[in-house]
Amino acid sequence: MQESSVRLRLHHLHYFSERALTVGSSSIHGCGLFTLIDLVEGQMIVEYTGEAVRPCLTDKRERENEKKV
């Protein structure tokens, strides 16, 4: 994919996420992400910008957090 195409998609994603997404109550997990408009198949709706964490580190962090409770 060309750089300009990626930038355009990310710009659209930012615009879309501010105006077309909402967080609300969910019977599945208690809280969920919902759209206020219909989606097109294959449409990107979020971009993950957090750190990538290996499973062994997530397990360690989970154990540490459980000790704090």
PDB file of N, CA and C in Angstrom:
ATOM      1  N   MET A   1       0.851  -1.169   0.000  1.00  0.00           N
ATOM      2  CA  MET A   1       0.000   0.000   0.000  1.00  0.00           C
ATOM      3  C   MET A   1       0.901   1.239   0.000  1.00  0.00           C
ATOM      4  N   GLN A   2       0.555   2.231  -0.787  1.00  0.00           N
ATOM      5  CA  GLN A   2       1.364   3.440  -0.869  1.00  0.00           C
ATOM      6  C   GLN A   2       1.232   4.270   0.398  1.00  0.00           C
ATOM      7  N   GLU A   3       2.300   5.008   0.719  1.00  0.00           N
ATOM      8  CA  GLU A   3       2.338   5.828   1.931  1.00  0.00           C
ATOM      9  C   GLU A   3       1.178   6.813   1.984  1.00  0.00           C
ATOM     10  N   SER A   4       0.871   7.476   0.862  1.00  0.00           N
ATOM     11  CA  SER A   4      -0.215   8.463   0.859  1.00  0.00           C
ATOM     12  C   SER A   4      -1.554   7.796   1.131  1.00  0.00           C
ATOM     13  N   SER A   5      -1.721   6.579   0.636  1.00  0.00           N
ATOM     14  CA  SER A   5      -2.953   5.838   0.878  1.00  0.00           C
ATOM     15  C   SER A   5      -3.094   5.485   2.357  1.00  0.00           C
ATOM     16  N   VAL A   6      -1.999   5.096   2.984  1.00  0.00           N
ATOM     17  CA  VAL A   6      -2.018   4.771   4.411  1.00  0.00           C
ATOM     18  C   VAL A   6      -2.345   6.022   5.215  1.00  0.00           C
ATOM     19  N   ARG A   7      -1.696   7.141   4.890  1.00  0.00           N
ATOM     20  CA  ARG A   7      -1.972   8.394   5.604  1.00  0.00           C
ATOM     21  C   ARG A   7      -3.427   8.809   5.450  1.00  0.00           C
ATOM     22  N   LEU A   8      -3.973   8.661   4.259  1.00  0.00           N
ATOM     23  CA  LEU A   8      -5.370   9.010   4.018  1.00  0.00           C
ATOM     24  C   LEU A   8      -6.296   8.122   4.843  1.00  0.00           C
ATOM     25  N   ARG A   9      -6.012   6.829   4.894  1.00  0.00           N
ATOM     26  CA  ARG A   9      -6.840   5.909   5.685  1.00  0.00           C
ATOM     27  C   ARG A   9      -6.766   6.231   7.171  1.00  0.00           C
ATOM     28  N   LEU A  10      -5.580   6.581   7.670  1.00  0.00           N
ATOM     29  CA  LEU A  10      -5.440   6.930   9.082  1.00  0.00           C
ATOM     30  C   LEU A  10      -6.143   8.245   9.400  1.00  0.00           C
ATOM     31  N   HIS A  11      -6.090   9.212   8.471  1.00  0.00           N
ATOM     32  CA  HIS A  11      -6.818  10.469   8.668  1.00  0.00           C
ATOM     33  C   HIS A  11      -8.316  10.192   8.741  1.00  0.00           C
ATOM     34  N   HIS A  12      -8.809   9.387   7.809  1.00  0.00           N
ATOM     35  CA  HIS A  12     -10.228   9.027   7.811  1.00  0.00           C
ATOM     36  C   HIS A  12     -10.579   8.278   9.090  1.00  0.00           C
ATOM     37  N   LEU A  13      -9.711   7.393   9.537  1.00  0.00           N
ATOM     38  CA  LEU A  13      -9.952   6.624  10.753  1.00  0.00           C
ATOM     39  C   LEU A  13     -10.098   7.552  11.956  1.00  0.00           C
ATOM     40  N   HIS A  14      -9.236   8.542  12.071  1.00  0.00           N
ATOM     41  CA  HIS A  14      -9.312   9.494  13.180  1.00  0.00           C
ATOM     42  C   HIS A  14     -10.635  10.254  13.128  1.00  0.00           C
ATOM     43  N   TYR A  15     -10.994  10.748  11.953  1.00  0.00           N
ATOM     44  CA  TYR A  15     -12.259  11.478  11.780  1.00  0.00           C
ATOM     45  C   TYR A  15     -13.438  10.572  12.131  1.00  0.00           C
ATOM     46  N   PHE A  16     -13.415   9.354  11.613  1.00  0.00           N
ATOM     47  CA  PHE A  16     -14.487   8.387  11.834  1.00  0.00           C
ATOM     48  C   PHE A  16     -14.623   8.038  13.310  1.00  0.00           C
ATOM     49  N   SER A  17     -13.502   7.758  13.969  1.00  0.00           N
ATOM     50  CA  SER A  17     -13.566   7.288  15.355  1.00  0.00           C
ATOM     51  C   SER A  17     -14.116   8.351  16.293  1.00  0.00           C
ATOM     52  N   GLU A  18     -13.886   9.624  15.993  1.00  0.00           N
ATOM     53  CA  GLU A  18     -14.411  10.689  16.848  1.00  0.00           C
ATOM     54  C   GLU A  18     -15.907  10.899  16.665  1.00  0.00           C
ATOM     55  N   ARG A  19     -16.455  10.547  15.500  1.00  0.00           N
ATOM     56  CA  ARG A  19     -17.839  10.872  15.188  1.00  0.00           C
ATOM     57  C   ARG A  19     -18.775   9.675  15.076  1.00  0.00           C
ATOM     58  N   ALA A  20     -18.224   8.492  14.886  1.00  0.00           N
ATOM     59  CA  ALA A  20     -19.084   7.354  14.585  1.00  0.00           C
ATOM     60  C   ALA A  20     -18.971   6.203  15.569  1.00  0.00           C
ATOM     61  N   LEU A  21     -18.154   6.350  16.609  1.00  0.00           N
ATOM     62  CA  LEU A  21     -17.999   5.279  17.589  1.00  0.00           C
ATOM     63  C   LEU A  21     -18.444   5.756  18.957  1.00  0.00           C
ATOM     64  N   THR A  22     -18.997   4.839  19.721  1.00  0.00           N
ATOM     65  CA  THR A  22     -19.384   5.157  21.090  1.00  0.00           C
ATOM     66  C   THR A  22     -19.159   3.928  21.961  1.00  0.00           C
ATOM     67  N   VAL A  23     -18.926   4.151  23.215  1.00  0.00           N
ATOM     68  CA  VAL A  23     -18.773   3.065  24.182  1.00  0.00           C
ATOM     69  C   VAL A  23     -20.077   2.963  24.951  1.00  0.00           C
ATOM     70  N   GLY A  24     -20.554   1.727  25.135  1.00  0.00           N
ATOM     71  CA  GLY A  24     -21.804   1.543  25.849  1.00  0.00           C
ATOM     72  C   GLY A  24     -21.855   0.215  26.571  1.00  0.00           C
ATOM     73  N   SER A  25     -22.957  -0.005  27.260  1.00  0.00           N
ATOM     74  CA  SER A  25     -23.157  -1.253  27.999  1.00  0.00           C
ATOM     75  C   SER A  25     -23.314  -2.417  27.034  1.00  0.00           C
ATOM     76  N   SER A  26     -22.707  -3.546  27.391  1.00  0.00           N
ATOM     77  CA  SER A  26     -22.766  -4.751  26.575  1.00  0.00           C
ATOM     78  C   SER A  26     -23.121  -5.933  27.459  1.00  0.00           C
ATOM     79  N   SER A  27     -24.026  -6.760  26.987  1.00  0.00           N
ATOM     80  CA  SER A  27     -24.396  -7.952  27.755  1.00  0.00           C
ATOM     81  C   SER A  27     -23.305  -9.018  27.700  1.00  0.00           C
ATOM     82  N   ILE A  28     -22.346  -8.874  26.794  1.00  0.00           N
ATOM     83  CA  ILE A  28     -21.289  -9.874  26.639  1.00  0.00           C
ATOM     84  C   ILE A  28     -20.164  -9.647  27.647  1.00  0.00           C
ATOM     85  N   HIS A  29     -19.601  -8.435  27.672  1.00  0.00           N
ATOM     86  CA  HIS A  29     -18.467  -8.162  28.562  1.00  0.00           C
ATOM     87  C   HIS A  29     -18.693  -6.968  29.478  1.00  0.00           C
ATOM     88  N   GLY A  30     -19.899  -6.457  29.518  1.00  0.00           N
ATOM     89  CA  GLY A  30     -20.199  -5.331  30.396  1.00  0.00           C
ATOM     90  C   GLY A  30     -20.019  -3.979  29.738  1.00  0.00           C
ATOM     91  N   CYS A  31     -19.038  -3.870  28.845  1.00  0.00           N
ATOM     92  CA  CYS A  31     -18.769  -2.608  28.161  1.00  0.00           C
ATOM     93  C   CYS A  31     -18.295  -2.948  26.751  1.00  0.00           C
ATOM     94  N   GLY A  32     -18.778  -2.207  25.757  1.00  0.00           N
ATOM     95  CA  GLY A  32     -18.399  -2.522  24.390  1.00  0.00           C
ATOM     96  C   GLY A  32     -18.298  -1.293  23.515  1.00  0.00           C
ATOM     97  N   LEU A  33     -17.705  -1.456  22.338  1.00  0.00           N
ATOM     98  CA  LEU A  33     -17.571  -0.400  21.348  1.00  0.00           C
ATOM     99  C   LEU A  33     -18.654  -0.599  20.303  1.00  0.00           C
ATOM    100  N   PHE A  34     -19.407   0.455  20.022  1.00  0.00           N
ATOM    101  CA  PHE A  34     -20.515   0.385  19.077  1.00  0.00           C
ATOM    102  C   PHE A  34     -20.365   1.479  18.029  1.00  0.00           C
ATOM    103  N   THR A  35     -20.873   1.206  16.816  1.00  0.00           N
ATOM    104  CA  THR A  35     -20.853   2.221  15.767  1.00  0.00           C
ATOM    105  C   THR A  35     -22.207   2.905  15.695  1.00  0.00           C
ATOM    106  N   LEU A  36     -22.183   4.159  15.323  1.00  0.00           N
ATOM    107  CA  LEU A  36     -23.402   4.943  15.168  1.00  0.00           C
ATOM    108  C   LEU A  36     -23.854   4.976  13.716  1.00  0.00           C
ATOM    109  N   ILE A  37     -23.061   4.378  12.823  1.00  0.00           N
ATOM    110  CA  ILE A  37     -23.382   4.321  11.398  1.00  0.00           C
ATOM    111  C   ILE A  37     -23.132   2.904  10.899  1.00  0.00           C
ATOM    112  N   ASP A  38     -23.652   2.584   9.722  1.00  0.00           N
ATOM    113  CA  ASP A  38     -23.378   1.287   9.110  1.00  0.00           C
ATOM    114  C   ASP A  38     -21.930   1.254   8.626  1.00  0.00           C
ATOM    115  N   LEU A  39     -21.325   0.083   8.690  1.00  0.00           N
ATOM    116  CA  LEU A  39     -19.942  -0.090   8.252  1.00  0.00           C
ATOM    117  C   LEU A  39     -19.890  -0.759   6.889  1.00  0.00           C
ATOM    118  N   VAL A  40     -18.817  -0.477   6.168  1.00  0.00           N
ATOM    119  CA  VAL A  40     -18.533  -1.146   4.908  1.00  0.00           C
ATOM    120  C   VAL A  40     -17.629  -2.327   5.232  1.00  0.00           C
ATOM    121  N   GLU A  41     -17.870  -3.472   4.604  1.00  0.00           N
ATOM    122  CA  GLU A  41     -17.042  -4.651   4.868  1.00  0.00           C
ATOM    123  C   GLU A  41     -15.573  -4.326   4.648  1.00  0.00           C
ATOM    124  N   GLY A  42     -14.742  -4.696   5.619  1.00  0.00           N
ATOM    125  CA  GLY A  42     -13.312  -4.461   5.533  1.00  0.00           C
ATOM    126  C   GLY A  42     -12.869  -3.095   6.015  1.00  0.00           C
ATOM    127  N   GLN A  43     -13.817  -2.264   6.441  1.00  0.00           N
ATOM    128  CA  GLN A  43     -13.489  -0.911   6.907  1.00  0.00           C
ATOM    129  C   GLN A  43     -12.732  -0.960   8.222  1.00  0.00           C
ATOM    130  N   MET A  44     -11.620  -0.217   8.292  1.00  0.00           N
ATOM    131  CA  MET A  44     -10.841  -0.146   9.519  1.00  0.00           C
ATOM    132  C   MET A  44     -11.578   0.777  10.484  1.00  0.00           C
ATOM    133  N   ILE A  45     -11.749   0.328  11.739  1.00  0.00           N
ATOM    134  CA  ILE A  45     -12.474   1.160  12.700  1.00  0.00           C
ATOM    135  C   ILE A  45     -11.617   1.605  13.872  1.00  0.00           C
ATOM    136  N   VAL A  46     -10.510   0.934  14.133  1.00  0.00           N
ATOM    137  CA  VAL A  46      -9.613   1.350  15.206  1.00  0.00           C
ATOM    138  C   VAL A  46      -8.176   1.095  14.781  1.00  0.00           C
ATOM    139  N   GLU A  47      -7.267   1.823  15.401  1.00  0.00           N
ATOM    140  CA  GLU A  47      -5.839   1.600  15.209  1.00  0.00           C
ATOM    141  C   GLU A  47      -5.238   1.426  16.591  1.00  0.00           C
ATOM    142  N   TYR A  48      -4.606   0.293  16.838  1.00  0.00           N
ATOM    143  CA  TYR A  48      -3.976   0.046  18.130  1.00  0.00           C
ATOM    144  C   TYR A  48      -2.638   0.759  18.154  1.00  0.00           C
ATOM    145  N   THR A  49      -2.436   1.615  19.151  1.00  0.00           N
ATOM    146  CA  THR A  49      -1.186   2.373  19.226  1.00  0.00           C
ATOM    147  C   THR A  49      -0.414   2.087  20.505  1.00  0.00           C
ATOM    148  N   GLY A  50      -0.831   1.098  21.252  1.00  0.00           N
ATOM    149  CA  GLY A  50      -0.133   0.748  22.493  1.00  0.00           C
ATOM    150  C   GLY A  50       1.081  -0.115  22.224  1.00  0.00           C
ATOM    151  N   GLU A  51       1.739  -0.496  23.297  1.00  0.00           N
ATOM    152  CA  GLU A  51       2.924  -1.327  23.151  1.00  0.00           C
ATOM    153  C   GLU A  51       2.533  -2.768  22.816  1.00  0.00           C
ATOM    154  N   ALA A  52       3.368  -3.435  22.048  1.00  0.00           N
ATOM    155  CA  ALA A  52       3.175  -4.853  21.761  1.00  0.00           C
ATOM    156  C   ALA A  52       3.848  -5.631  22.884  1.00  0.00           C
ATOM    157  N   VAL A  53       3.076  -6.485  23.559  1.00  0.00           N
ATOM    158  CA  VAL A  53       3.587  -7.189  24.734  1.00  0.00           C
ATOM    159  C   VAL A  53       3.502  -8.694  24.494  1.00  0.00           C
ATOM    160  N   ARG A  54       4.619  -9.385  24.713  1.00  0.00           N
ATOM    161  CA  ARG A  54       4.647 -10.841  24.553  1.00  0.00           C
ATOM    162  C   ARG A  54       3.799 -11.504  25.632  1.00  0.00           C
ATOM    163  N   PRO A  55       3.225 -12.684  25.339  1.00  0.00           N
ATOM    164  CA  PRO A  55       2.374 -13.376  26.316  1.00  0.00           C
ATOM    165  C   PRO A  55       3.051 -13.632  27.661  1.00  0.00           C
ATOM    166  N   CYS A  56       4.340 -13.955  27.670  1.00  0.00           N
ATOM    167  CA  CYS A  56       5.007 -14.224  28.951  1.00  0.00           C
ATOM    168  C   CYS A  56       5.026 -12.972  29.826  1.00  0.00           C
ATOM    169  N   LEU A  57       5.146 -11.807  29.215  1.00  0.00           N
ATOM    170  CA  LEU A  57       5.139 -10.565  29.982  1.00  0.00           C
ATOM    171  C   LEU A  57       3.728 -10.214  30.455  1.00  0.00           C
ATOM    172  N   THR A  58       2.723 -10.496  29.630  1.00  0.00           N
ATOM    173  CA  THR A  58       1.350 -10.219  30.071  1.00  0.00           C
ATOM    174  C   THR A  58       0.993 -11.100  31.259  1.00  0.00           C
ATOM    175  N   ASP A  59       1.450 -12.355  31.245  1.00  0.00           N
ATOM    176  CA  ASP A  59       1.193 -13.252  32.384  1.00  0.00           C
ATOM    177  C   ASP A  59       1.848 -12.710  33.650  1.00  0.00           C
ATOM    178  N   LYS A  60       3.077 -12.229  33.527  1.00  0.00           N
ATOM    179  CA  LYS A  60       3.791 -11.668  34.676  1.00  0.00           C
ATOM    180  C   LYS A  60       3.057 -10.443  35.214  1.00  0.00           C
ATOM    181  N   ARG A  61       2.644  -9.556  34.321  1.00  0.00           N
ATOM    182  CA  ARG A  61       1.920  -8.353  34.744  1.00  0.00           C
ATOM    183  C   ARG A  61       0.593  -8.710  35.412  1.00  0.00           C
ATOM    184  N   GLU A  62      -0.082  -9.714  34.878  1.00  0.00           N
ATOM    185  CA  GLU A  62      -1.352 -10.135  35.477  1.00  0.00           C
ATOM    186  C   GLU A  62      -1.143 -10.643  36.902  1.00  0.00           C
ATOM    187  N   ARG A  63      -0.105 -11.457  37.111  1.00  0.00           N
ATOM    188  CA  ARG A  63       0.187 -11.957  38.459  1.00  0.00           C
ATOM    189  C   ARG A  63       0.507 -10.805  39.412  1.00  0.00           C
ATOM    190  N   GLU A  64       1.287  -9.833  38.943  1.00  0.00           N
ATOM    191  CA  GLU A  64       1.632  -8.678  39.775  1.00  0.00           C
ATOM    192  C   GLU A  64       0.392  -7.861  40.127  1.00  0.00           C
ATOM    193  N   ASN A  65      -0.494  -7.676  39.174  1.00  0.00           N
ATOM    194  CA  ASN A  65      -1.719  -6.913  39.427  1.00  0.00           C
ATOM    195  C   ASN A  65      -2.651  -7.642  40.385  1.00  0.00           C
ATOM    196  N   GLU A  66      -2.698  -8.974  40.300  1.00  0.00           N
ATOM    197  CA  GLU A  66      -3.548  -9.749  41.210  1.00  0.00           C
ATOM    198  C   GLU A  66      -3.058  -9.632  42.649  1.00  0.00           C
ATOM    199  N   LYS A  67      -1.741  -9.502  42.837  1.00  0.00           N
ATOM    200  CA  LYS A  67      -1.185  -9.344  44.181  1.00  0.00           C
ATOM    201  C   LYS A  67      -1.587  -8.004  44.791  1.00  0.00           C
ATOM    202  N   LYS A  68      -1.799  -6.995  43.962  1.00  0.00           N
ATOM    203  CA  LYS A  68      -2.156  -5.657  44.435  1.00  0.00           C
ATOM    204  C   LYS A  68      -3.595  -5.578  44.929  1.00  0.00           C
ATOM    205  N   VAL A  69      -4.436  -6.486  44.477  1.00  0.00           N
ATOM    206  CA  VAL A  69      -5.866  -6.421  44.832  1.00  0.00           C
ATOM    207  C   VAL A  69      -6.136  -6.977  46.189  1.00  0.00           C
TER     208      VAL A  69
END
